[in-house]
């Protein structure tokens, strides 16, 4: 992901184990491509590293809980659009 916040990080900072994963996940906070990065890792069953703010263990758990999802990219994009629509509808207007 060329516009990801992690693009300047060293690979060994993202492919870590244990407590170091929390530092790697922190790089994803506020990243403009976090959802698409996560979707890529889920759709391609990437087994190593932190992708989209989730560790490999977290992604495996999500895949196990949602085995019928065929396209994580589509699912996350739909959720993002619906969330944005809901926010726009729920936001109070000011005069």
Protein backbone atom coordinates (compact mmCIF):
# COMPACT_ATOMS: atom_id res chain seq x y z
CA UNK A 1 0.00 0.00 0.00
CA UNK A 2 1.90 2.99 -1.27
CA UNK A 3 -0.13 5.49 0.76
CA UNK A 4 -0.06 3.53 4.02
CA UNK A 5 1.50 5.00 7.14
CA UNK A 6 3.71 1.90 7.33
CA UNK A 7 5.37 2.58 3.97
CA UNK A 8 8.36 4.10 5.73
CA UNK A 9 8.60 1.38 8.39
CA UNK A 10 11.12 -1.42 8.20
CA UNK A 11 9.62 -4.83 7.43
CA UNK A 12 11.04 -6.25 10.65
CA UNK A 13 8.89 -3.71 12.56
CA UNK A 14 5.69 -5.15 11.04
CA UNK A 15 6.50 -8.85 11.14
CA UNK A 16 7.03 -9.27 14.87
CA UNK A 17 5.77 -11.48 17.66
CA UNK A 18 4.48 -11.00 21.17
CA UNK A 19 4.23 -7.55 22.75
CA UNK A 20 6.00 -5.96 19.79
CA UNK A 21 2.82 -6.54 17.79
CA UNK A 22 1.11 -3.77 19.76
CA UNK A 23 3.75 -1.30 18.55
CA UNK A 24 3.25 -2.52 14.99
CA UNK A 25 -0.54 -2.20 15.31
CA UNK A 26 -0.11 1.37 16.55
CA UNK A 27 1.34 2.28 13.14
CA UNK A 28 -2.08 1.46 11.65
CA UNK A 29 -3.98 3.90 13.85
CA UNK A 30 -5.32 6.67 11.66
CA UNK A 31 -3.92 5.16 8.47
CA UNK A 32 -5.97 6.16 5.41
CA UNK A 33 -5.71 2.67 3.90
CA UNK A 34 -6.18 0.62 7.07
CA UNK A 35 -9.43 -1.04 5.90
CA UNK A 36 -8.16 -1.87 2.44
CA UNK A 37 -4.92 -3.21 3.92
CA UNK A 38 -6.88 -5.45 6.27
CA UNK A 39 -9.17 -6.56 3.46
CA UNK A 40 -6.15 -7.50 1.33
CA UNK A 41 -4.67 -9.60 4.12
CA UNK A 42 -8.00 -11.34 4.79
CA UNK A 43 -8.85 -11.93 1.12
CA UNK A 44 -5.37 -13.30 0.40
CA UNK A 45 -5.08 -15.23 3.68
CA UNK A 46 -1.80 -13.52 4.59
CA UNK A 47 -0.44 -15.52 7.49
CA UNK A 48 2.30 -13.29 8.86
CA UNK A 49 2.67 -9.75 10.13
CA UNK A 50 0.37 -6.96 11.18
CA UNK A 51 -1.97 -5.87 8.40
CA UNK A 52 -4.70 -3.28 8.78
CA UNK A 53 -4.21 -3.12 12.53
CA UNK A 54 -4.70 -6.85 13.13
CA UNK A 55 -2.21 -9.57 14.00
CA UNK A 56 -2.18 -12.91 12.25
CA UNK A 57 -3.92 -14.48 15.26
CA UNK A 58 -6.66 -11.84 15.19
CA UNK A 59 -7.16 -12.31 11.44
CA UNK A 60 -7.33 -16.10 11.81
CA UNK A 61 -9.99 -15.68 14.50
CA UNK A 62 -12.01 -13.33 12.30
CA UNK A 63 -11.78 -15.70 9.34
CA UNK A 64 -12.90 -18.57 11.54
CA UNK A 65 -15.87 -16.58 12.91
CA UNK A 66 -16.94 -15.43 9.43
CA UNK A 67 -16.19 -18.36 7.09
CA UNK A 68 -18.86 -17.40 4.55
CA UNK A 69 -17.36 -14.02 3.63
CA UNK A 70 -16.14 -14.25 0.05
CA UNK A 71 -14.79 -10.70 -0.32
CA UNK A 72 -13.55 -8.82 2.70
CA UNK A 73 -12.80 -5.83 0.48
CA UNK A 74 -16.46 -5.63 -0.55
CA UNK A 75 -17.73 -6.23 2.99
CA UNK A 76 -15.50 -3.58 4.58
CA UNK A 77 -16.21 -1.08 1.81
CA UNK A 78 -19.96 -1.58 2.23
CA UNK A 79 -19.65 -1.16 5.99
CA UNK A 80 -17.59 2.01 5.53
CA UNK A 81 -20.14 3.51 3.13
CA UNK A 82 -23.07 2.61 5.37
CA UNK A 83 -21.29 4.06 8.38
CA UNK A 84 -20.64 7.29 6.49
CA UNK A 85 -24.26 7.47 5.40
CA UNK A 86 -25.47 6.81 8.94
CA UNK A 87 -23.15 9.52 10.27
CA UNK A 88 -24.41 11.99 7.69
CA UNK A 89 -28.04 11.24 8.51
CA UNK A 90 -27.51 11.33 12.27
CA UNK A 91 -25.39 14.48 12.29
CA UNK A 92 -27.38 17.47 13.54
CA UNK A 93 -27.49 20.45 11.24
CA UNK A 94 -26.42 23.80 12.50
CA UNK A 95 -27.78 27.05 11.16
